[in-house]
Structures are given as structure tokens and as C-alpha cells.
């Protein structure tokens, strides 16, 4: 005996029905079918496409996934989900939730680091020359390699002082603060161009406040992506379970 889900898949839908139910245009439905986001529609003797409810569910799932991880990754993931076991598919979907949670944690840690930097800047002892560090000391404090600090220097993100004929680097308090901002932003997932833009604003305006604004914006974006994934949950489950059901003619 067929269950409610398998029986519902025998409902035949036209392209216009799928478009209306999924929120996509007729052309988008055809394009997403061609790209493999949804299974190939059945064809009637006169060549018209015939869809099932799972096609609508796959399109809605794609909308949520694309909002969470981007359209290219969403297309690939949906294609894989249709061939995976339920256990493997559940693991893949869970990994997206984990990735978003990790991105959120990294952005929150970056926020905390910037707040600590701001608090230090506002203390009277901040400009003490004795607080200068060598490249090895600073790399250890930031938990990065010395080569990473040299790379940041090449990219114009951090400017140490050179004090010996051997070009040994010495980082004063301003350079240490800049390096900590760079480390916080890189740890939150920002690329070099975005970090450079923030560091440029640090030299011209209130860079710490700008960095905090960008991190708040990132947290908002992660929240939107997380909600999109949650909304896709039931439709993703339908796509995964339908792939386990035997096809019927």
C-alpha cells in the first residue's frame, strides 16, 4: 500500500502549476530543471512536461539552500542528496548547520577581540614603548606564523618598525593593535581585500568602529542564511525521502 507521500507524487502538475507553487517563473523552472536542481520531468506523448509535487519541494528546498550556501553549492548539494542514503543526506544537511554556527562563532570572537582592543586603546598605559614586540612574540600572541605577519606586511595591513641592520622587525603598540584587528577579521572569514578596506578606514576614520559595524553586518547575514536553511528543512526532508521511494509508472 502506498503511503501519503508516495501517492502524492503521482499527482501530475504542469509547468505553470510548479511555477505558481514554487514562486519561480516558467523559464526559471525550465532552467533549474536543465541545471539538475530538480529531477527531469516526465514527458507526455505530445511533448508537454509533467511534474510531481516533489519537483515543487525541490525548488523550494533549492531557494532555501541557495540563500544559505549560495546557488552553485546548492545545485550540487541537491543533486547529491537525490542519490544519497537518508543517513548520508542527513549528515550533509547537518554539516551546513554546523558551518553556519562556526561562522557565527568566529564573528562573535572577532567582535570580542575588537572590544578588547578598544578597551586597551582607551587606557592611559596604551602608548608605553615597553609594550613593543618582536615578530616571534607577536606571532605567538596572535597564534599565527611569523610568515603570516610578513604576508600582512606585504599586503599593507600591518607596518612594523625595523631597528637593526639585519632588518629585524619590531612592532610598536599601534602595529600590535593593527595586527590584532587583522587577525580578528581574518579569523571571522574576511578576505584580504575586505580587511585592507577596513585597515584603510582605520587610518582615516574610526577603524575599530567600522570593523565592528562590518562584523555586526556579517552576523545579520549569517542569521538570514540560517533562517533560509531552516525554512528549507521540510522540503529538504521531502526531497531526501522521495529519493528512497521506488518509482511508479
Protein backbone atom coordinates (compact mmCIF):
# COMPACT_ATOMS: atom_id res chain seq x y z
CA UNK A 1 0.00 0.00 0.00
CA UNK A 2 1.28 3.40 -0.91
CA UNK A 3 1.73 5.98 1.85
CA UNK A 4 0.52 9.57 1.57
CA UNK A 5 3.83 10.85 0.26
CA UNK A 6 4.35 8.28 -2.47
CA UNK A 7 0.75 8.62 -3.54
CA UNK A 8 1.03 12.36 -3.73
CA UNK A 9 3.94 12.06 -6.13
CA UNK A 10 1.54 10.60 -8.75
CA UNK A 11 -0.24 13.95 -8.92
CA UNK A 12 0.61 15.46 -12.30
CA UNK A 13 1.48 19.14 -12.46
CA UNK A 14 2.02 21.43 -15.42
CA UNK A 15 4.96 23.80 -15.65
CA UNK A 16 2.65 26.69 -14.78
CA UNK A 17 1.48 24.82 -11.66
CA UNK A 18 5.05 24.25 -10.50
CA UNK A 19 5.94 27.88 -11.14
CA UNK A 20 2.97 29.11 -9.15
CA UNK A 21 3.61 26.78 -6.20
CA UNK A 22 7.37 27.37 -6.05
CA UNK A 23 7.46 31.10 -6.71
CA UNK A 24 9.72 30.77 -9.75
CA UNK A 25 8.89 31.87 -13.28
CA UNK A 26 8.15 29.40 -16.06
CA UNK A 27 11.58 29.96 -17.58
CA UNK A 28 13.31 29.60 -14.22
CA UNK A 29 11.59 26.24 -13.67
CA UNK A 30 12.85 25.03 -17.06
CA UNK A 31 16.35 26.41 -16.41
CA UNK A 32 16.59 24.82 -12.97
CA UNK A 33 15.45 21.52 -14.41
CA UNK A 34 18.15 21.78 -17.07
CA UNK A 35 20.74 22.53 -14.36
CA UNK A 36 19.71 19.43 -12.40
CA UNK A 37 18.19 21.26 -9.42
CA UNK A 38 15.02 19.21 -9.89
CA UNK A 39 14.62 15.77 -11.49
CA UNK A 40 13.79 15.62 -15.16
CA UNK A 41 10.06 15.97 -15.74
CA UNK A 42 8.13 13.21 -17.42
CA UNK A 43 7.07 13.93 -20.99
CA UNK A 44 3.63 13.21 -22.37
CA UNK A 45 3.08 11.91 -25.90
CA UNK A 46 2.62 15.46 -27.16
CA UNK A 47 5.90 16.60 -25.55
CA UNK A 48 4.48 18.56 -22.61
CA UNK A 49 6.28 18.36 -19.28
CA UNK A 50 4.56 16.56 -16.43
CA UNK A 51 5.78 17.28 -12.90
CA UNK A 52 5.07 15.87 -9.44
CA UNK A 53 4.85 17.53 -6.01
CA UNK A 54 8.47 16.57 -5.31
CA UNK A 55 9.55 18.99 -8.06
CA UNK A 56 7.90 21.85 -6.17
CA UNK A 57 9.52 20.69 -2.93
CA UNK A 58 12.93 20.50 -4.61
CA UNK A 59 12.57 24.05 -5.93
CA UNK A 60 11.60 25.39 -2.52
CA UNK A 61 14.47 23.48 -0.96
CA UNK A 62 16.81 25.00 -3.52
CA UNK A 63 15.64 28.50 -2.67
CA UNK A 64 16.48 27.98 1.00
CA UNK A 65 19.79 26.23 0.30
CA UNK A 66 20.85 28.91 -2.17
CA UNK A 67 20.16 31.54 0.47
CA UNK A 68 22.27 29.61 2.98
CA UNK A 69 25.27 28.44 0.95
CA UNK A 70 24.96 30.07 -2.48
CA UNK A 71 23.33 28.87 -5.72
CA UNK A 72 26.26 26.86 -7.11
CA UNK A 73 26.80 24.87 -3.92
CA UNK A 74 23.03 24.44 -3.53
CA UNK A 75 22.70 22.95 -7.03
CA UNK A 76 25.49 20.49 -6.34
CA UNK A 77 24.13 19.53 -2.95
CA UNK A 78 20.59 18.90 -4.19
CA UNK A 79 21.87 16.68 -6.99
CA UNK A 80 23.88 14.67 -4.45
CA UNK A 81 21.01 14.41 -1.97
CA UNK A 82 18.89 12.62 -4.56
CA UNK A 83 21.45 9.81 -4.82
CA UNK A 84 22.49 9.53 -1.15
CA UNK A 85 21.14 7.32 1.59
CA UNK A 86 19.00 9.06 4.19
CA UNK A 87 21.85 8.86 6.70
CA UNK A 88 24.36 10.43 4.30
CA UNK A 89 21.89 13.12 3.23
CA UNK A 90 21.10 13.99 6.86
CA UNK A 91 24.82 14.30 7.56
CA UNK A 92 25.29 16.64 4.59
CA UNK A 93 22.43 18.89 5.71
CA UNK A 94 23.69 18.90 9.30
CA UNK A 95 27.12 19.97 8.07
CA UNK A 96 25.57 23.16 6.64
CA UNK A 97 24.06 23.98 10.03
CA UNK A 98 27.45 23.34 11.64
CA UNK A 99 29.20 25.57 9.09
CA UNK A 100 26.83 28.45 9.77
CA UNK A 101 27.22 28.02 13.52
CA UNK A 102 31.00 28.06 13.14
CA UNK A 103 30.89 31.24 11.05
CA UNK A 104 28.73 32.86 13.73
CA UNK A 105 31.12 31.83 16.50
CA UNK A 106 34.10 33.20 14.56
CA UNK A 107 32.38 36.55 14.01
CA UNK A 108 31.46 36.74 17.71
CA UNK A 109 35.05 36.02 18.71
CA UNK A 110 36.22 38.74 16.35
CA UNK A 111 33.77 41.15 17.98
CA UNK A 112 35.12 40.29 21.41
CA UNK A 113 38.69 40.79 20.23
CA UNK A 114 37.88 44.21 18.82
CA UNK A 115 36.16 45.24 22.06
CA UNK A 116 39.26 44.22 23.98
CA UNK A 117 41.44 46.25 21.62
CA UNK A 118 39.17 49.27 22.05
CA UNK A 119 39.38 48.95 25.82
CA UNK A 120 43.18 48.86 25.66
CA UNK A 121 43.33 51.88 23.35
CA UNK A 122 41.36 53.85 25.93
CA UNK A 123 43.75 53.06 28.80
CA UNK A 124 46.50 55.57 29.75
CA UNK A 125 49.18 52.86 29.56
CA UNK A 126 48.46 52.01 25.93
CA UNK A 127 51.33 54.04 24.46
CA UNK A 128 54.09 52.54 26.59
CA UNK A 129 57.15 51.78 24.46
CA UNK A 130 57.94 48.76 26.61
CA UNK A 131 54.92 47.01 25.13
CA UNK A 132 56.69 46.58 21.75
CA UNK A 133 57.11 43.04 20.43
CA UNK A 134 59.36 41.13 18.09
CA UNK A 135 57.80 39.26 15.19
CA UNK A 136 58.14 35.99 17.07
CA UNK A 137 56.46 37.38 20.17
CA UNK A 138 53.60 38.92 18.21
CA UNK A 139 53.07 35.78 16.14
CA UNK A 140 52.86 33.76 19.33
CA UNK A 141 50.41 36.21 20.90
CA UNK A 142 48.14 36.04 17.84
CA UNK A 143 48.59 32.29 17.31
CA UNK A 144 49.78 32.80 13.73
CA UNK A 145 53.07 32.07 11.98
CA UNK A 146 55.73 34.75 11.55
CA UNK A 147 55.34 34.24 7.79
CA UNK A 148 51.70 35.30 8.16
CA UNK A 149 52.79 38.60 9.70
CA UNK A 150 55.25 39.11 6.85
CA UNK A 151 52.45 38.46 4.37
CA UNK A 152 50.22 41.01 6.09
CA UNK A 153 53.09 43.46 5.86
CA UNK A 154 53.44 42.82 2.12
CA UNK A 155 49.72 43.46 1.73
CA UNK A 156 50.00 46.77 3.60
CA UNK A 157 47.85 45.64 6.53
CA UNK A 158 50.43 45.90 9.31
CA UNK A 159 53.52 48.15 9.34
CA UNK A 160 56.26 47.14 11.80
CA UNK A 161 59.38 49.15 12.60
CA UNK A 162 62.77 47.83 11.51
CA UNK A 163 65.50 48.68 14.01
CA UNK A 164 68.62 46.69 13.08
CA UNK A 165 70.87 46.28 10.09
CA UNK A 166 69.53 42.71 9.82
CA UNK A 167 66.06 44.15 9.26
CA UNK A 168 64.68 42.55 12.40
CA UNK A 169 61.10 43.62 12.90
CA UNK A 170 59.87 45.45 15.96
CA UNK A 171 56.15 46.05 16.45
CA UNK A 172 55.06 49.06 18.48
CA UNK A 173 51.72 49.38 20.18
CA UNK A 174 49.99 50.79 17.07
CA UNK A 175 51.25 47.94 14.89
CA UNK A 176 50.26 45.40 17.54
CA UNK A 177 46.73 46.83 17.62
CA UNK A 178 46.52 46.73 13.82
CA UNK A 179 47.77 43.14 13.75
CA UNK A 180 45.14 42.12 16.29
CA UNK A 181 42.39 43.70 14.21
CA UNK A 182 43.64 41.91 11.09
CA UNK A 183 43.81 38.60 12.99
CA UNK A 184 40.27 39.07 14.30
CA UNK A 185 38.85 39.84 10.87
CA UNK A 186 40.76 37.05 9.14
CA UNK A 187 39.56 34.66 11.82
CA UNK A 188 35.99 35.75 11.08
CA UNK A 189 36.44 34.74 7.44
CA UNK A 190 37.16 38.06 5.75
CA UNK A 191 39.39 38.07 2.69
CA UNK A 192 42.43 40.28 2.27
CA UNK A 193 40.65 42.96 0.13
CA UNK A 194 37.92 43.41 2.75
CA UNK A 195 40.47 43.57 5.57
CA UNK A 196 42.53 46.11 3.63
CA UNK A 197 39.46 48.32 3.23
CA UNK A 198 38.86 48.25 6.98
CA UNK A 199 42.50 48.97 7.77
CA UNK A 200 42.46 51.91 5.37
CA UNK A 201 39.45 53.29 7.22
CA UNK A 202 41.34 52.78 10.48
CA UNK A 203 43.97 55.22 9.29
CA UNK A 204 41.42 57.78 8.11
CA UNK A 205 38.46 57.42 10.45
CA UNK A 206 37.44 55.29 13.42
CA UNK A 207 38.56 51.94 12.06
CA UNK A 208 37.58 49.98 15.16
CA UNK A 209 34.01 51.21 14.91
CA UNK A 210 33.95 50.42 11.18
CA UNK A 211 35.25 46.93 11.85
CA UNK A 212 32.56 46.41 14.47
CA UNK A 213 29.90 47.65 12.05
CA UNK A 214 31.06 45.18 9.41
CA UNK A 215 31.06 42.33 11.90
CA UNK A 216 27.53 43.22 13.02
CA UNK A 217 26.52 43.18 9.36
CA UNK A 218 28.13 39.77 8.93
CA UNK A 219 26.24 38.39 11.93
CA UNK A 220 22.99 39.70 10.45
CA UNK A 221 23.81 37.97 7.15
CA UNK A 222 24.56 34.70 8.91
CA UNK A 223 21.22 34.94 10.71
CA UNK A 224 19.39 35.44 7.40
CA UNK A 225 21.20 32.45 5.89
CA UNK A 226 20.36 30.32 8.91
CA UNK A 227 16.67 31.20 8.70
CA UNK A 228 16.69 30.37 4.97
CA UNK A 229 18.10 26.94 5.77
CA UNK A 230 15.51 26.36 8.49
CA UNK A 231 12.70 27.28 6.10
CA UNK A 232 14.03 24.74 3.61
CA UNK A 233 14.03 21.97 6.21
CA UNK A 234 10.72 20.26 5.47
CA UNK A 235 11.23 20.48 1.72
CA UNK A 236 14.75 19.07 2.01
CA UNK A 237 13.37 16.17 4.03
CA UNK A 238 10.79 15.53 1.31
CA UNK A 239 13.47 15.53 -1.39
CA UNK A 240 15.62 13.10 0.57
CA UNK A 241 12.81 10.70 1.43
CA UNK A 242 11.35 10.74 -2.09
CA UNK A 243 14.70 9.60 -3.42
CA UNK A 244 14.35 6.43 -1.34
CA UNK A 245 10.93 5.52 -2.72
CA UNK A 246 10.54 3.20 -5.70
CA UNK A 247 9.45 4.96 -8.86
CA UNK A 248 5.99 4.20 -10.16
CA UNK A 249 4.75 4.44 -13.69
